[in-house]
Amino acid sequence: MDLSVFLRRVARGRNGSEHLQRHEAAMVLAELLSPGADQLQLGAFLIAERMKGESSEELAGFVDAARRHIKGFGESRAPQGAVDMPCYAGKRRAAPVHLVAALQARDAGIPVVLHGLEHIAGRLSAWQAVQTAGVCRAGTLDEGLRVLLSDGIVYMDLADICPPLFALTALRPRLGVRTFSHTVARLLNPLQCEGQLNGVFHTPYVALTAQVNVLLEQTRSLVFMGAEGDPELYADRQKLLAAQQCNEKASLSFSDAHCALYPREVGGSPEELLQHFTALRNDRMDVREKATLKRMAEAFVFASSGKLPHDWIQDE
């Protein structure tokens, strides 16, 4: 398929370009994910979308296309109350409290599906952390569901469940910037969990991600500016927090914990952060980490059941 007609529409700069419709976006990405894709057009499209900015319709179409490359998508579904937690950023400034929260949510009876990238340069990935806590990795959705039902938590890697999309994420070093592939990966929800916790790094993506979840008919999600782009709330000065339930969206806020702010500098090597993660699992936490864990526990309850904590405020 010649994609030049679509490139002419999306590659005219922020003011001159136009967004694709959902079915067009799905068609374009389906072609770009195919083995015979034109590599020049692939790179041009990814950069053009980066410069233009993706619309919610486009992102929904991209997710549609990526899901078609996941074997068994729609056949293996997580049990009621399960929470999808995409982890594609990794940590370098502090240990991952959100992963401790995921383990505790599992212990509290909330099924948790983690997915992400095994290796993230210079960062501690979710898999590198949770495998030390005994979490099993599944290579297919069918296996993932079996592990989830038996263990209450499972990790699936993008390289295993959607290799073509993983290949796009791996282009970052060559392109110099991240592309929409990371956003699409976050929205895959491979086992179709009722709830989702989705952390983003850039401010506009909070409202955008919530709207995409509406288009994807996601039952419920909590989308927020996450620590380093991962699904970890800030105990203090949380920026932008959106709740989505079916077609309804609302902005939320909660009071600050009045503790130390999230670190600004690199907190150590991935190996050192892994040691800190082990300490967190053993309840060796400072005030900020304890406050963060409390908020994350509340977030899991909302994502699983739709019940908002009493001190979370719906903004006008």
C-alpha atoms as a PDB file:
ATOM      1  CA  MET A   1       0.000   0.000   0.000  1.00  0.00           C
ATOM      2  CA  ASP A   2       1.263   3.481  -0.896  1.00  0.00           C
ATOM      3  CA  LEU A   3       0.935   5.640   2.213  1.00  0.00           C
ATOM      4  CA  SER A   4       2.060   8.869   0.566  1.00  0.00           C
ATOM      5  CA  VAL A   5      -1.528  10.173   0.428  1.00  0.00           C
ATOM      6  CA  PHE A   6      -1.753   9.910   4.216  1.00  0.00           C
ATOM      7  CA  LEU A   7       1.720  11.363   4.702  1.00  0.00           C
ATOM      8  CA  ARG A   8       0.687  14.432   2.706  1.00  0.00           C
ATOM      9  CA  ARG A   9      -2.126  14.998   5.205  1.00  0.00           C
ATOM     10  CA  VAL A  10      -0.197  14.520   8.452  1.00  0.00           C
ATOM     11  CA  ALA A  11       3.216  15.928   7.506  1.00  0.00           C
ATOM     12  CA  ARG A  12       2.375  19.598   6.908  1.00  0.00           C
ATOM     13  CA  GLY A  13       3.386  20.835  10.343  1.00  0.00           C
ATOM     14  CA  ARG A  14       1.357  21.533  13.471  1.00  0.00           C
ATOM     15  CA  ASN A  15      -0.868  24.138  11.799  1.00  0.00           C
ATOM     16  CA  GLY A  16      -1.168  22.754   8.282  1.00  0.00           C
ATOM     17  CA  SER A  17      -1.649  19.062   9.019  1.00  0.00           C
ATOM     18  CA  GLU A  18      -4.921  17.248   9.537  1.00  0.00           C
ATOM     19  CA  HIS A  19      -5.769  14.325  11.770  1.00  0.00           C
ATOM     20  CA  LEU A  20      -6.707  10.949  10.344  1.00  0.00           C
ATOM     21  CA  GLN A  21     -10.003   9.305  11.154  1.00  0.00           C
ATOM     22  CA  ARG A  22      -9.906   6.259  13.403  1.00  0.00           C
ATOM     23  CA  HIS A  23     -10.289   3.719  10.602  1.00  0.00           C
ATOM     24  CA  GLU A  24      -7.646   5.494   8.517  1.00  0.00           C
ATOM     25  CA  ALA A  25      -5.174   5.495  11.396  1.00  0.00           C
ATOM     26  CA  ALA A  26      -5.805   1.785  11.931  1.00  0.00           C
ATOM     27  CA  MET A  27      -5.240   1.092   8.247  1.00  0.00           C
ATOM     28  CA  VAL A  28      -1.981   3.061   8.153  1.00  0.00           C
ATOM     29  CA  LEU A  29      -0.492   1.448  11.244  1.00  0.00           C
ATOM     30  CA  ALA A  30      -1.586  -1.999  10.087  1.00  0.00           C
ATOM     31  CA  GLU A  31       0.467  -1.423   6.955  1.00  0.00           C
ATOM     32  CA  LEU A  32       3.442  -0.059   8.894  1.00  0.00           C
ATOM     33  CA  LEU A  33       3.412  -3.048  11.255  1.00  0.00           C
ATOM     34  CA  SER A  34       3.537  -5.509   8.365  1.00  0.00           C
ATOM     35  CA  PRO A  35       6.858  -7.210   7.485  1.00  0.00           C
ATOM     36  CA  GLY A  36       7.021  -5.531   4.082  1.00  0.00           C
ATOM     37  CA  ALA A  37       6.468  -1.979   5.313  1.00  0.00           C
ATOM     38  CA  ASP A  38       8.376   0.782   3.529  1.00  0.00           C
ATOM     39  CA  GLN A  39      10.953   1.823   6.143  1.00  0.00           C
ATOM     40  CA  LEU A  40      11.260   5.362   4.776  1.00  0.00           C
ATOM     41  CA  GLN A  41       7.501   5.887   4.989  1.00  0.00           C
ATOM     42  CA  LEU A  42       7.486   4.306   8.448  1.00  0.00           C
ATOM     43  CA  GLY A  43      10.049   6.764   9.800  1.00  0.00           C
ATOM     44  CA  ALA A  44       8.392   9.698   8.044  1.00  0.00           C
ATOM     45  CA  PHE A  45       4.979   8.849   9.479  1.00  0.00           C
ATOM     46  CA  LEU A  46       6.271   8.382  13.021  1.00  0.00           C
ATOM     47  CA  ILE A  47       8.088  11.728  12.989  1.00  0.00           C
ATOM     48  CA  ALA A  48       5.164  13.513  11.302  1.00  0.00           C
ATOM     49  CA  GLU A  49       2.786  12.316  14.007  1.00  0.00           C
ATOM     50  CA  ARG A  50       5.289  13.334  16.660  1.00  0.00           C
ATOM     51  CA  MET A  51       5.445  16.863  15.231  1.00  0.00           C
ATOM     52  CA  LYS A  52       1.694  17.172  14.648  1.00  0.00           C
ATOM     53  CA  GLY A  53       0.509  15.551  17.843  1.00  0.00           C
ATOM     54  CA  GLU A  54      -1.852  12.584  17.820  1.00  0.00           C
ATOM     55  CA  SER A  55      -5.618  12.949  18.149  1.00  0.00           C
ATOM     56  CA  SER A  56      -7.724  10.640  20.297  1.00  0.00           C
ATOM     57  CA  GLU A  57      -9.287   9.145  17.151  1.00  0.00           C
ATOM     58  CA  GLU A  58      -5.855   8.407  15.711  1.00  0.00           C
ATOM     59  CA  LEU A  59      -4.585   6.793  18.903  1.00  0.00           C
ATOM     60  CA  ALA A  60      -7.709   4.635  19.141  1.00  0.00           C
ATOM     61  CA  GLY A  61      -7.107   3.529  15.554  1.00  0.00           C
ATOM     62  CA  PHE A  62      -3.463   2.769  16.288  1.00  0.00           C
ATOM     63  CA  VAL A  63      -4.517   0.641  19.271  1.00  0.00           C
ATOM     64  CA  ASP A  64      -7.055  -1.166  17.074  1.00  0.00           C
ATOM     65  CA  ALA A  65      -4.294  -2.053  14.621  1.00  0.00           C
ATOM     66  CA  ALA A  66      -1.811  -3.131  17.292  1.00  0.00           C
ATOM     67  CA  ARG A  67      -4.360  -5.344  19.020  1.00  0.00           C
ATOM     68  CA  ARG A  68      -4.855  -7.276  15.785  1.00  0.00           C
ATOM     69  CA  HIS A  69      -1.213  -8.339  16.101  1.00  0.00           C
ATOM     70  CA  ILE A  70      -1.763  -9.780  19.588  1.00  0.00           C
ATOM     71  CA  LYS A  71      -2.544 -13.467  19.228  1.00  0.00           C
ATOM     72  CA  GLY A  72      -5.792 -14.341  20.982  1.00  0.00           C
ATOM     73  CA  PHE A  73      -6.762 -10.775  21.846  1.00  0.00           C
ATOM     74  CA  GLY A  74     -10.375 -10.733  23.009  1.00  0.00           C
ATOM     75  CA  GLU A  75     -10.403 -14.461  23.752  1.00  0.00           C
ATOM     76  CA  SER A  76      -8.562 -14.404  27.097  1.00  0.00           C
ATOM     77  CA  ARG A  77     -10.159 -11.931  29.492  1.00  0.00           C
ATOM     78  CA  ALA A  78      -9.108 -11.060  33.024  1.00  0.00           C
ATOM     79  CA  PRO A  79     -11.591 -11.752  35.834  1.00  0.00           C
ATOM     80  CA  GLN A  80     -13.899  -9.095  37.234  1.00  0.00           C
ATOM     81  CA  GLY A  81     -12.128  -6.340  39.141  1.00  0.00           C
ATOM     82  CA  ALA A  82      -8.743  -6.913  37.499  1.00  0.00           C
ATOM     83  CA  VAL A  83      -6.471  -3.908  36.985  1.00  0.00           C
ATOM     84  CA  ASP A  84      -4.211  -3.313  33.988  1.00  0.00           C
ATOM     85  CA  MET A  85      -0.961  -1.508  34.849  1.00  0.00           C
ATOM     86  CA  PRO A  86       1.233  -0.604  31.862  1.00  0.00           C
ATOM     87  CA  CYS A  87       4.837   0.149  32.879  1.00  0.00           C
ATOM     88  CA  TYR A  88       6.857   1.480  29.938  1.00  0.00           C
ATOM     89  CA  ALA A  89       8.963   4.287  31.424  1.00  0.00           C
ATOM     90  CA  GLY A  90      11.120   2.684  34.093  1.00  0.00           C
ATOM     91  CA  LYS A  91      12.715   4.365  37.100  1.00  0.00           C
ATOM     92  CA  ARG A  92      16.049   6.113  37.607  1.00  0.00           C
ATOM     93  CA  ARG A  93      15.310   8.721  40.307  1.00  0.00           C
ATOM     94  CA  ALA A  94      13.617   6.544  42.930  1.00  0.00           C
ATOM     95  CA  ALA A  95      12.562   2.955  43.526  1.00  0.00           C
ATOM     96  CA  PRO A  96       9.153   1.894  42.127  1.00  0.00           C
ATOM     97  CA  VAL A  97       6.603   2.269  44.922  1.00  0.00           C
ATOM     98  CA  HIS A  98       3.810   1.556  42.418  1.00  0.00           C
ATOM     99  CA  LEU A  99       5.120  -1.991  41.987  1.00  0.00           C
ATOM    100  CA  VAL A 100       5.040  -2.538  45.747  1.00  0.00           C
ATOM    101  CA  ALA A 101       1.444  -1.298  45.585  1.00  0.00           C
ATOM    102  CA  ALA A 102       0.724  -3.807  42.806  1.00  0.00           C
ATOM    103  CA  LEU A 103       2.015  -6.656  44.967  1.00  0.00           C
ATOM    104  CA  GLN A 104      -0.066  -5.480  47.910  1.00  0.00           C
ATOM    105  CA  ALA A 105      -3.143  -5.122  45.690  1.00  0.00           C
ATOM    106  CA  ARG A 106      -2.621  -8.742  44.631  1.00  0.00           C
ATOM    107  CA  ASP A 107      -2.434  -9.732  48.294  1.00  0.00           C
ATOM    108  CA  ALA A 108      -5.700  -7.850  48.898  1.00  0.00           C
ATOM    109  CA  GLY A 109      -7.472  -9.880  46.212  1.00  0.00           C
ATOM    110  CA  ILE A 110      -7.216  -7.490  43.260  1.00  0.00           C
ATOM    111  CA  PRO A 111      -5.917  -9.269  40.125  1.00  0.00           C
ATOM    112  CA  VAL A 112      -3.101  -7.233  38.539  1.00  0.00           C
ATOM    113  CA  VAL A 113      -1.792  -7.393  34.965  1.00  0.00           C
ATOM    114  CA  LEU A 114       1.594  -5.752  34.394  1.00  0.00           C
ATOM    115  CA  HIS A 115       3.074  -5.234  30.938  1.00  0.00           C
ATOM    116  CA  GLY A 116       6.065  -3.304  29.697  1.00  0.00           C
ATOM    117  CA  LEU A 117       9.596  -3.561  28.322  1.00  0.00           C
ATOM    118  CA  GLU A 118      12.164  -5.937  29.793  1.00  0.00           C
ATOM    119  CA  HIS A 119      15.085  -3.548  29.295  1.00  0.00           C
ATOM    120  CA  ILE A 120      14.973   0.259  29.443  1.00  0.00           C
ATOM    121  CA  ALA A 121      18.385   1.886  29.041  1.00  0.00           C
ATOM    122  CA  GLY A 122      19.672   3.413  32.266  1.00  0.00           C
ATOM    123  CA  ARG A 123      16.491   2.624  34.182  1.00  0.00           C
ATOM    124  CA  LEU A 124      15.048  -0.089  36.380  1.00  0.00           C
ATOM    125  CA  SER A 125      12.246  -1.743  34.415  1.00  0.00           C
ATOM    126  CA  ALA A 126       9.120  -3.221  35.949  1.00  0.00           C
ATOM    127  CA  TRP A 127      10.152  -6.739  34.972  1.00  0.00           C
ATOM    128  CA  GLN A 128      13.605  -6.390  36.502  1.00  0.00           C
ATOM    129  CA  ALA A 129      11.906  -5.429  39.762  1.00  0.00           C
ATOM    130  CA  VAL A 130       8.921  -7.751  40.011  1.00  0.00           C
ATOM    131  CA  GLN A 131      10.745 -10.907  38.953  1.00  0.00           C
ATOM    132  CA  THR A 132      12.711 -10.624  42.210  1.00  0.00           C
ATOM    133  CA  ALA A 133       9.362 -10.711  44.035  1.00  0.00           C
ATOM    134  CA  GLY A 134       8.384 -13.998  42.398  1.00  0.00           C
ATOM    135  CA  VAL A 135       6.062 -12.590  39.735  1.00  0.00           C
ATOM    136  CA  CYS A 136       5.822 -14.896  36.720  1.00  0.00           C
ATOM    137  CA  ARG A 137       6.217 -13.766  33.126  1.00  0.00           C
ATOM    138  CA  ALA A 138       3.803 -15.061  30.488  1.00  0.00           C
ATOM    139  CA  GLY A 139       4.590 -15.180  26.788  1.00  0.00           C
ATOM    140  CA  THR A 140       1.013 -15.375  25.497  1.00  0.00           C
ATOM    141  CA  LEU A 141      -2.386 -14.085  26.568  1.00  0.00           C
ATOM    142  CA  ASP A 142      -3.631 -17.602  27.253  1.00  0.00           C
ATOM    143  CA  GLU A 143      -0.672 -18.278  29.517  1.00  0.00           C
ATOM    144  CA  GLY A 144      -1.070 -14.843  31.062  1.00  0.00           C
ATOM    145  CA  LEU A 145      -4.648 -15.567  32.056  1.00  0.00           C
ATOM    146  CA  ARG A 146      -3.667 -18.905  33.582  1.00  0.00           C
ATOM    147  CA  VAL A 147      -0.933 -17.266  35.641  1.00  0.00           C
ATOM    148  CA  LEU A 148      -3.243 -14.427  36.660  1.00  0.00           C
ATOM    149  CA  LEU A 149      -5.920 -16.832  37.869  1.00  0.00           C
ATOM    150  CA  SER A 150      -3.413 -18.897  39.845  1.00  0.00           C
ATOM    151  CA  ASP A 151      -1.059 -16.190  41.168  1.00  0.00           C
ATOM    152  CA  GLY A 152      -3.215 -13.071  41.208  1.00  0.00           C
ATOM    153  CA  ILE A 153      -0.575 -11.129  39.271  1.00  0.00           C
ATOM    154  CA  VAL A 154       1.245 -11.593  35.974  1.00  0.00           C
ATOM    155  CA  TYR A 155       3.805  -9.755  33.847  1.00  0.00           C
ATOM    156  CA  MET A 156       3.741  -9.783  30.042  1.00  0.00           C
ATOM    157  CA  ASP A 157       6.419  -8.215  27.875  1.00  0.00           C
ATOM    158  CA  LEU A 158       5.579  -6.248  24.751  1.00  0.00           C
ATOM    159  CA  ALA A 159       8.261  -8.162  22.848  1.00  0.00           C
ATOM    160  CA  ASP A 160       6.340 -11.383  23.526  1.00  0.00           C
ATOM    161  CA  ILE A 161       2.731 -10.314  23.035  1.00  0.00           C
ATOM    162  CA  CYS A 162       3.078  -7.781  20.200  1.00  0.00           C
ATOM    163  CA  PRO A 163       6.472  -8.058  18.458  1.00  0.00           C
ATOM    164  CA  PRO A 164       5.668  -5.593  15.629  1.00  0.00           C
ATOM    165  CA  LEU A 165       4.779  -2.818  18.089  1.00  0.00           C
ATOM    166  CA  PHE A 166       7.846  -3.666  20.164  1.00  0.00           C
ATOM    167  CA  ALA A 167       9.924  -3.157  17.016  1.00  0.00           C
ATOM    168  CA  LEU A 168       8.525   0.375  16.726  1.00  0.00           C
ATOM    169  CA  THR A 169       9.441   1.211  20.326  1.00  0.00           C
ATOM    170  CA  ALA A 170      12.972  -0.001  19.599  1.00  0.00           C
ATOM    171  CA  LEU A 171      13.372   2.654  16.890  1.00  0.00           C
ATOM    172  CA  ARG A 172      13.813   5.433  19.440  1.00  0.00           C
ATOM    173  CA  PRO A 173      17.649   5.434  19.331  1.00  0.00           C
ATOM    174  CA  ARG A 174      17.594   5.771  15.537  1.00  0.00           C
ATOM    175  CA  LEU A 175      14.831   8.401  15.416  1.00  0.00           C
ATOM    176  CA  GLY A 176      16.134  10.372  18.386  1.00  0.00           C
ATOM    177  CA  VAL A 177      12.710  10.751  20.026  1.00  0.00           C
ATOM    178  CA  ARG A 178       9.937   8.602  21.387  1.00  0.00           C
ATOM    179  CA  THR A 179       6.984   8.043  19.102  1.00  0.00           C
ATOM    180  CA  PHE A 180       3.327   7.211  19.648  1.00  0.00           C
ATOM    181  CA  SER A 181       4.312   3.536  19.936  1.00  0.00           C
ATOM    182  CA  HIS A 182       4.850   3.914  23.690  1.00  0.00           C
ATOM    183  CA  THR A 183       1.439   5.554  24.134  1.00  0.00           C
ATOM    184  CA  VAL A 184      -0.213   2.804  22.106  1.00  0.00           C
ATOM    185  CA  ALA A 185       1.535   0.130  24.174  1.00  0.00           C
ATOM    186  CA  ARG A 186       0.204   1.720  27.364  1.00  0.00           C
ATOM    187  CA  LEU A 187      -3.337   1.511  25.998  1.00  0.00           C
ATOM    188  CA  LEU A 188      -3.263  -2.114  24.799  1.00  0.00           C
ATOM    189  CA  ASN A 189      -4.859  -3.609  27.944  1.00  0.00           C
ATOM    190  CA  PRO A 190      -4.054  -7.089  26.574  1.00  0.00           C
ATOM    191  CA  LEU A 191      -6.285  -9.063  28.952  1.00  0.00           C
ATOM    192  CA  GLN A 192      -9.118  -6.510  28.805  1.00  0.00           C
ATOM    193  CA  CYS A 193      -9.088  -5.684  32.512  1.00  0.00           C
ATOM    194  CA  GLU A 194     -12.041  -3.678  33.774  1.00  0.00           C
ATOM    195  CA  GLY A 195      -9.728  -1.144  35.398  1.00  0.00           C
ATOM    196  CA  GLN A 196      -6.553   0.546  34.286  1.00  0.00           C
ATOM    197  CA  LEU A 197      -3.927   2.723  35.986  1.00  0.00           C
ATOM    198  CA  ASN A 198      -2.121   4.764  33.362  1.00  0.00           C
ATOM    199  CA  GLY A 199       0.696   7.173  34.187  1.00  0.00           C
ATOM    200  CA  VAL A 200       1.891   9.648  31.556  1.00  0.00           C
ATOM    201  CA  PHE A 201       4.806  12.074  31.411  1.00  0.00           C
ATOM    202  CA  HIS A 202       3.485  14.964  29.309  1.00  0.00           C
ATOM    203  CA  THR A 203       0.571  17.092  30.544  1.00  0.00           C
ATOM    204  CA  PRO A 204      -1.656  16.958  27.402  1.00  0.00           C
ATOM    205  CA  TYR A 205      -1.689  13.170  27.476  1.00  0.00           C
ATOM    206  CA  VAL A 206      -3.819  12.972  30.625  1.00  0.00           C
ATOM    207  CA  ALA A 207      -6.997  14.248  28.944  1.00  0.00           C
ATOM    208  CA  LEU A 208      -6.004  12.628  25.643  1.00  0.00           C
ATOM    209  CA  THR A 209      -5.504   9.180  27.184  1.00  0.00           C
ATOM    210  CA  ALA A 210      -8.781   9.401  29.099  1.00  0.00           C
ATOM    211  CA  GLN A 211     -10.625  10.237  25.871  1.00  0.00           C
ATOM    212  CA  VAL A 212      -8.947   7.381  23.999  1.00  0.00           C
ATOM    213  CA  ASN A 213     -10.133   5.006  26.722  1.00  0.00           C
ATOM    214  CA  VAL A 214     -13.672   6.284  26.146  1.00  0.00           C
ATOM    215  CA  LEU A 215     -13.340   5.480  22.439  1.00  0.00           C
ATOM    216  CA  LEU A 216     -11.888   2.053  23.250  1.00  0.00           C
ATOM    217  CA  GLU A 217     -14.872   1.385  25.557  1.00  0.00           C
ATOM    218  CA  GLN A 218     -12.623   0.892  28.553  1.00  0.00           C
ATOM    219  CA  THR A 219     -14.798   0.269  31.612  1.00  0.00           C
ATOM    220  CA  ARG A 220     -12.761   2.367  33.996  1.00  0.00           C
ATOM    221  CA  SER A 221      -9.374   4.064  34.181  1.00  0.00           C
ATOM    222  CA  LEU A 222      -7.355   6.472  36.273  1.00  0.00           C
ATOM    223  CA  VAL A 223      -4.977   8.560  34.176  1.00  0.00           C
ATOM    224  CA  PHE A 224      -2.441  10.885  35.749  1.00  0.00           C
ATOM    225  CA  MET A 225       0.918  12.578  35.536  1.00  0.00           C
ATOM    226  CA  GLY A 226       3.036   9.736  36.853  1.00  0.00           C
ATOM    227  CA  ALA A 227       6.439   9.758  38.510  1.00  0.00           C
ATOM    228  CA  GLU A 228       8.956   9.593  35.640  1.00  0.00           C
ATOM    229  CA  GLY A 229       6.071   8.649  33.341  1.00  0.00           C
ATOM    230  CA  ASP A 230       5.213   5.403  35.130  1.00  0.00           C
ATOM    231  CA  PRO A 231       1.847   4.760  36.857  1.00  0.00           C
ATOM    232  CA  GLU A 232       2.962   6.067  40.250  1.00  0.00           C
ATOM    233  CA  LEU A 233       1.114   8.914  41.938  1.00  0.00           C
ATOM    234  CA  TYR A 234       2.937  11.717  43.706  1.00  0.00           C
ATOM    235  CA  ALA A 235       2.277  12.018  47.436  1.00  0.00           C
ATOM    236  CA  ASP A 236       2.761  15.788  47.153  1.00  0.00           C
ATOM    237  CA  ARG A 237       1.899  18.173  44.322  1.00  0.00           C
ATOM    238  CA  GLN A 238       0.129  15.625  42.152  1.00  0.00           C
ATOM    239  CA  LYS A 239      -0.482  17.181  38.748  1.00  0.00           C
ATOM    240  CA  LEU A 240      -3.553  16.275  36.726  1.00  0.00           C
ATOM    241  CA  LEU A 241      -5.604  13.264  37.721  1.00  0.00           C
ATOM    242  CA  ALA A 242      -8.496  12.092  35.543  1.00  0.00           C
ATOM    243  CA  ALA A 243     -11.037   9.383  36.262  1.00  0.00           C
ATOM    244  CA  GLN A 244     -12.805   7.728  33.335  1.00  0.00           C
ATOM    245  CA  GLN A 245     -15.784   5.431  33.712  1.00  0.00           C
ATOM    246  CA  CYS A 246     -17.429   4.350  30.460  1.00  0.00           C
ATOM    247  CA  ASN A 247     -18.302   7.638  28.690  1.00  0.00           C
ATOM    248  CA  GLU A 248     -17.854   9.818  31.764  1.00  0.00           C
ATOM    249  CA  LYS A 249     -14.659  11.704  32.639  1.00  0.00           C
ATOM    250  CA  ALA A 250     -13.856  13.781  35.696  1.00  0.00           C
ATOM    251  CA  SER A 251     -10.863  15.674  37.043  1.00  0.00           C
ATOM    252  CA  LEU A 252      -9.833  14.670  40.550  1.00  0.00           C
ATOM    253  CA  SER A 253      -7.506  15.944  43.234  1.00  0.00           C
ATOM    254  CA  PHE A 254      -6.402  14.980  46.719  1.00  0.00           C
ATOM    255  CA  SER A 255      -4.643  16.789  49.537  1.00  0.00           C
ATOM    256  CA  ASP A 256      -0.863  16.868  49.772  1.00  0.00           C
ATOM    257  CA  ALA A 257       0.893  14.626  52.263  1.00  0.00           C
ATOM    258  CA  HIS A 258       3.257  17.487  53.242  1.00  0.00           C
ATOM    259  CA  CYS A 259       6.329  15.327  52.867  1.00  0.00           C
ATOM    260  CA  ALA A 260       9.496  15.463  50.799  1.00  0.00           C
ATOM    261  CA  LEU A 261       8.986  15.970  47.082  1.00  0.00           C
ATOM    262  CA  TYR A 262       9.812  13.295  44.522  1.00  0.00           C
ATOM    263  CA  PRO A 263      13.591  13.302  43.843  1.00  0.00           C
ATOM    264  CA  ARG A 264      14.845  15.489  40.999  1.00  0.00           C
ATOM    265  CA  GLU A 265      18.206  13.787  40.561  1.00  0.00           C
ATOM    266  CA  VAL A 266      19.180  10.246  39.594  1.00  0.00           C
ATOM    267  CA  GLY A 267      18.752   8.077  42.664  1.00  0.00           C
ATOM    268  CA  GLY A 268      21.283   5.416  41.767  1.00  0.00           C
ATOM    269  CA  SER A 269      22.030   2.700  39.263  1.00  0.00           C
ATOM    270  CA  PRO A 270      19.294   0.222  38.304  1.00  0.00           C
ATOM    271  CA  GLU A 271      21.000  -2.286  40.603  1.00  0.00           C
ATOM    272  CA  GLU A 272      20.890   0.154  43.523  1.00  0.00           C
ATOM    273  CA  LEU A 273      17.235   0.987  42.861  1.00  0.00           C
ATOM    274  CA  LEU A 274      16.491  -2.732  42.808  1.00  0.00           C
ATOM    275  CA  GLN A 275      18.022  -3.064  46.266  1.00  0.00           C
ATOM    276  CA  HIS A 276      15.859  -0.166  47.414  1.00  0.00           C
ATOM    277  CA  PHE A 277      12.795  -1.879  45.910  1.00  0.00           C
ATOM    278  CA  THR A 278      13.584  -4.942  48.017  1.00  0.00           C
ATOM    279  CA  ALA A 279      13.775  -2.709  51.087  1.00  0.00           C
ATOM    280  CA  LEU A 280      10.380  -1.206  50.228  1.00  0.00           C
ATOM    281  CA  ARG A 281       8.878  -4.678  49.989  1.00  0.00           C
ATOM    282  CA  ASN A 282      10.202  -5.320  53.494  1.00  0.00           C
ATOM    283  CA  ASP A 283       8.408  -2.189  54.739  1.00  0.00           C
ATOM    284  CA  ARG A 284      11.555  -0.085  55.044  1.00  0.00           C
ATOM    285  CA  MET A 285      10.101   3.179  53.755  1.00  0.00           C
ATOM    286  CA  ASP A 286      10.435   6.878  54.387  1.00  0.00           C
ATOM    287  CA  VAL A 287       7.486   9.232  54.872  1.00  0.00           C
ATOM    288  CA  ARG A 288       7.137  10.048  51.161  1.00  0.00           C
ATOM    289  CA  GLU A 289       7.172   6.409  50.134  1.00  0.00           C
ATOM    290  CA  LYS A 290       4.562   5.475  52.746  1.00  0.00           C
ATOM    291  CA  ALA A 291       2.318   8.330  51.619  1.00  0.00           C
ATOM    292  CA  THR A 292       2.745   7.304  47.986  1.00  0.00           C
ATOM    293  CA  LEU A 293       1.916   3.687  48.799  1.00  0.00           C
ATOM    294  CA  LYS A 294      -1.279   4.809  50.544  1.00  0.00           C
ATOM    295  CA  ARG A 295      -2.409   6.799  47.511  1.00  0.00           C
ATOM    296  CA  MET A 296      -1.543   3.948  45.161  1.00  0.00           C
ATOM    297  CA  ALA A 297      -3.575   1.520  47.279  1.00  0.00           C
ATOM    298  CA  GLU A 298      -6.541   3.882  46.932  1.00  0.00           C
ATOM    299  CA  ALA A 299      -5.960   4.102  43.189  1.00  0.00           C
ATOM    300  CA  PHE A 300      -6.060   0.317  42.877  1.00  0.00           C
ATOM    301  CA  VAL A 301      -9.370   0.190  44.753  1.00  0.00           C
ATOM    302  CA  PHE A 302     -10.886   2.741  42.375  1.00  0.00           C
ATOM    303  CA  ALA A 303      -9.555   1.005  39.271  1.00  0.00           C
ATOM    304  CA  SER A 304     -10.881  -2.336  40.498  1.00  0.00           C
ATOM    305  CA  SER A 305     -14.271  -1.300  41.868  1.00  0.00           C
ATOM    306  CA  GLY A 306     -14.999   2.294  40.875  1.00  0.00           C
ATOM    307  CA  LYS A 307     -15.069   3.363  44.525  1.00  0.00           C
ATOM    308  CA  LEU A 308     -13.404   6.739  45.066  1.00  0.00           C
ATOM    309  CA  PRO A 309     -11.566   7.375  48.351  1.00  0.00           C
ATOM    310  CA  HIS A 310     -13.472   9.728  50.635  1.00  0.00           C
ATOM    311  CA  ASP A 311     -10.823  12.453  50.469  1.00  0.00           C
ATOM    312  CA  TRP A 312     -10.435  12.464  46.683  1.00  0.00           C
ATOM    313  CA  ILE A 313     -12.245  15.516  45.357  1.00  0.00           C
ATOM    314  CA  GLN A 314     -14.000  15.759  42.006  1.00  0.00           C
ATOM    315  CA  ASP A 315     -13.066  19.162  40.618  1.00  0.00           C
ATOM    316  CA  GLU A 316     -15.643  21.426  39.045  1.00  0.00           C
END
